Amino acid sequence: MEDIIIYTDGGCSGNPGPGGWGIVVIADGAVKKLSGGEAMTTNNKMELSAAIAGLSVVKNTPSFAGRSVTVNIDSQYVKNGITQWIHSWKAKGWKTADKKPVKNQELWEKLDELNSMLDVKWNWVKGHAGIEYNEICDSLCQKEIAKFKQ
């Protein structure tokens, strides 16, 4: 069985401000696009929300059970957070290296739960670099932001 491929993006107009996220899930010859947003949020929350949405699709699709997932993400914050920093945050009771509470803890906990249930490879991609599905995610994100600016 081939890997499930996910692309994600999240963003804000102003930070905080109206935000959106977009994902593309590629599996079994099909391309599924999803998006969402919030009227007042942050860029980091939208990046995390996109990753959570992508992994949720995999977890909630029975035919995807047991398959490897590659998440292509243009957020170093999310990629480094879930692959490196989270271990130390959890060991320190959700505190950063300078003993401050980890921002967006509830989203990190959701992402960590999904990540631990699935076989996920995290791959950083450069944003706004002409990568087709990353550009589609950005477009979905911008459409969500625009809904809140009317």
Protein backbone atom coordinates (compact mmCIF):
# COMPACT_ATOMS: atom_id res chain seq x y z
CA MET A 1 0.00 0.00 0.00
CA GLU A 2 1.29 3.42 -0.89
CA ASP A 3 1.81 6.25 1.58
CA ILE A 4 -0.86 8.81 2.21
CA ILE A 5 0.49 12.24 1.33
CA ILE A 6 -0.71 15.36 3.13
CA TYR A 7 0.10 19.01 2.42
CA THR A 8 -0.86 21.66 4.97
CA ASP A 9 -0.79 25.43 5.35
CA GLY A 10 -2.14 27.94 7.81
CA GLY A 11 -2.00 31.68 8.03
CA CYS A 12 -3.39 34.92 9.34
CA SER A 13 -4.05 38.41 8.14
CA GLY A 14 -2.52 40.26 11.02
CA ASN A 15 -1.24 38.18 13.91
CA PRO A 16 -3.62 37.90 15.64
CA GLY A 17 -6.34 38.43 13.08
CA PRO A 18 -8.64 36.51 10.76
CA GLY A 19 -7.02 33.18 9.94
CA GLY A 20 -7.41 30.15 7.78
CA TRP A 21 -5.95 26.74 7.11
CA GLY A 22 -5.99 24.42 4.13
CA ILE A 23 -5.01 20.81 3.57
CA VAL A 24 -4.68 18.45 0.63
CA VAL A 25 -4.81 14.70 1.26
CA ILE A 26 -3.59 12.50 -1.60
CA ALA A 27 -4.38 8.78 -1.42
CA ASP A 28 -5.53 5.99 -3.71
CA GLY A 29 -5.50 8.24 -6.77
CA ALA A 30 -7.81 10.82 -5.16
CA VAL A 31 -7.07 14.35 -4.00
CA LYS A 32 -9.19 15.68 -1.13
CA LYS A 33 -9.10 19.38 -0.19
CA LEU A 34 -10.37 20.77 3.12
CA SER A 35 -10.16 24.15 4.82
CA GLY A 36 -11.36 26.10 7.81
CA GLY A 37 -10.67 29.25 9.74
CA GLU A 38 -11.39 31.54 12.64
CA ALA A 39 -12.30 35.21 12.90
CA MET A 40 -9.58 35.96 15.46
CA THR A 41 -6.59 33.67 15.76
CA THR A 42 -2.84 33.42 15.24
CA ASN A 43 -0.67 32.08 12.45
CA ASN A 44 0.71 29.32 14.68
CA LYS A 45 -2.78 28.17 15.70
CA MET A 46 -3.78 27.92 12.04
CA GLU A 47 -0.62 25.95 11.14
CA LEU A 48 -1.34 23.54 14.00
CA SER A 49 -5.03 23.31 13.04
CA ALA A 50 -4.08 22.36 9.49
CA ALA A 51 -1.79 19.56 10.68
CA ILE A 52 -4.47 18.30 13.09
CA ALA A 53 -7.08 18.34 10.32
CA GLY A 54 -4.84 16.38 7.96
CA LEU A 55 -4.02 13.67 10.49
CA SER A 56 -7.67 13.54 11.58
CA VAL A 57 -8.70 12.68 8.02
CA VAL A 58 -6.27 9.77 8.05
CA LYS A 59 -7.34 8.55 11.50
CA ASN A 60 -11.03 8.75 10.60
CA THR A 61 -10.78 6.99 7.22
CA PRO A 62 -10.99 3.22 7.79
CA SER A 63 -9.29 2.33 4.49
CA PHE A 64 -6.22 4.34 5.59
CA ALA A 65 -5.65 2.22 8.72
CA GLY A 66 -2.08 0.99 9.11
CA ARG A 67 -0.69 3.07 6.26
CA SER A 68 2.29 5.41 6.46
CA VAL A 69 1.64 9.14 6.21
CA THR A 70 3.94 11.86 4.91
CA VAL A 71 3.02 15.38 6.03
CA ASN A 72 4.51 18.12 3.86
CA ILE A 73 4.42 21.30 5.90
CA ASP A 74 5.93 24.75 5.42
CA SER A 75 5.89 25.55 9.15
CA GLN A 76 9.20 24.93 10.93
CA TYR A 77 7.30 25.73 14.16
CA VAL A 78 4.98 22.74 13.75
CA LYS A 79 7.56 20.35 12.25
CA ASN A 80 10.17 21.06 14.92
CA GLY A 81 7.57 21.20 17.66
CA ILE A 82 6.11 17.77 16.94
CA THR A 83 9.38 16.02 16.09
CA GLN A 84 11.77 17.60 18.62
CA TRP A 85 10.54 20.15 21.15
CA ILE A 86 7.43 18.28 22.34
CA HIS A 87 9.45 15.62 24.19
CA SER A 88 11.08 18.25 26.40
CA TRP A 89 7.82 20.20 26.84
CA LYS A 90 6.02 17.11 28.12
CA ALA A 91 8.93 16.14 30.39
CA LYS A 92 8.87 19.66 31.89
CA GLY A 93 5.10 19.71 32.45
CA TRP A 94 4.35 21.71 29.27
CA LYS A 95 6.92 24.39 30.03
CA THR A 96 9.43 25.84 27.58
CA ALA A 97 13.19 25.93 28.17
CA ASP A 98 12.73 29.29 29.92
CA LYS A 99 10.01 27.79 32.16
CA LYS A 100 7.08 29.57 30.49
CA PRO A 101 3.88 27.72 29.59
CA VAL A 102 3.92 26.26 26.06
CA LYS A 103 1.62 28.32 23.84
CA ASN A 104 -1.21 26.42 22.14
CA GLN A 105 -0.80 23.47 24.51
CA GLU A 106 -4.28 22.10 23.76
CA LEU A 107 -3.51 22.00 20.03
CA TRP A 108 -0.10 20.43 20.63
CA GLU A 109 -1.75 17.74 22.77
CA LYS A 110 -4.24 16.95 19.99
CA LEU A 111 -1.50 16.83 17.38
CA ASP A 112 0.69 14.66 19.62
CA GLU A 113 -2.17 12.22 20.18
CA LEU A 114 -2.81 11.86 16.44
CA ASN A 115 0.90 11.69 15.63
CA SER A 116 1.41 8.88 18.16
CA MET A 117 -1.49 6.84 16.72
CA LEU A 118 -0.18 6.98 13.17
CA ASP A 119 3.05 6.24 11.29
CA VAL A 120 3.90 9.84 10.34
CA LYS A 121 6.93 11.27 8.56
CA TRP A 122 7.20 15.07 8.80
CA ASN A 123 8.72 16.81 5.79
CA TRP A 124 9.40 20.56 5.68
CA VAL A 125 8.76 22.23 2.33
CA LYS A 126 9.52 25.82 1.39
CA GLY A 127 6.36 27.92 1.29
CA HIS A 128 5.50 30.09 -1.71
CA ALA A 129 8.03 28.21 -3.82
CA GLY A 130 5.72 26.91 -6.54
CA ILE A 131 5.13 23.47 -4.98
CA GLU A 132 1.73 22.62 -6.48
CA TYR A 133 -0.12 21.20 -3.50
CA ASN A 134 1.45 23.63 -1.04
CA GLU A 135 0.22 26.48 -3.25
CA ILE A 136 -3.27 24.93 -3.29
CA CYS A 137 -3.20 24.82 0.53
CA ASP A 138 -2.18 28.48 0.62
CA SER A 139 -5.03 29.36 -1.73
CA LEU A 140 -7.53 27.48 0.48
CA CYS A 141 -6.14 29.32 3.50
CA GLN A 142 -6.47 32.72 1.80
CA LYS A 143 -10.10 31.97 0.83
CA GLU A 144 -10.89 31.20 4.48
CA ILE A 145 -9.25 34.43 5.64
CA ALA A 146 -11.24 36.39 3.06
CA LYS A 147 -14.52 35.07 4.52
CA PHE A 148 -13.78 36.91 7.78
CA LYS A 149 -12.72 40.15 6.11
CA GLN A 150 -16.05 40.87 4.40
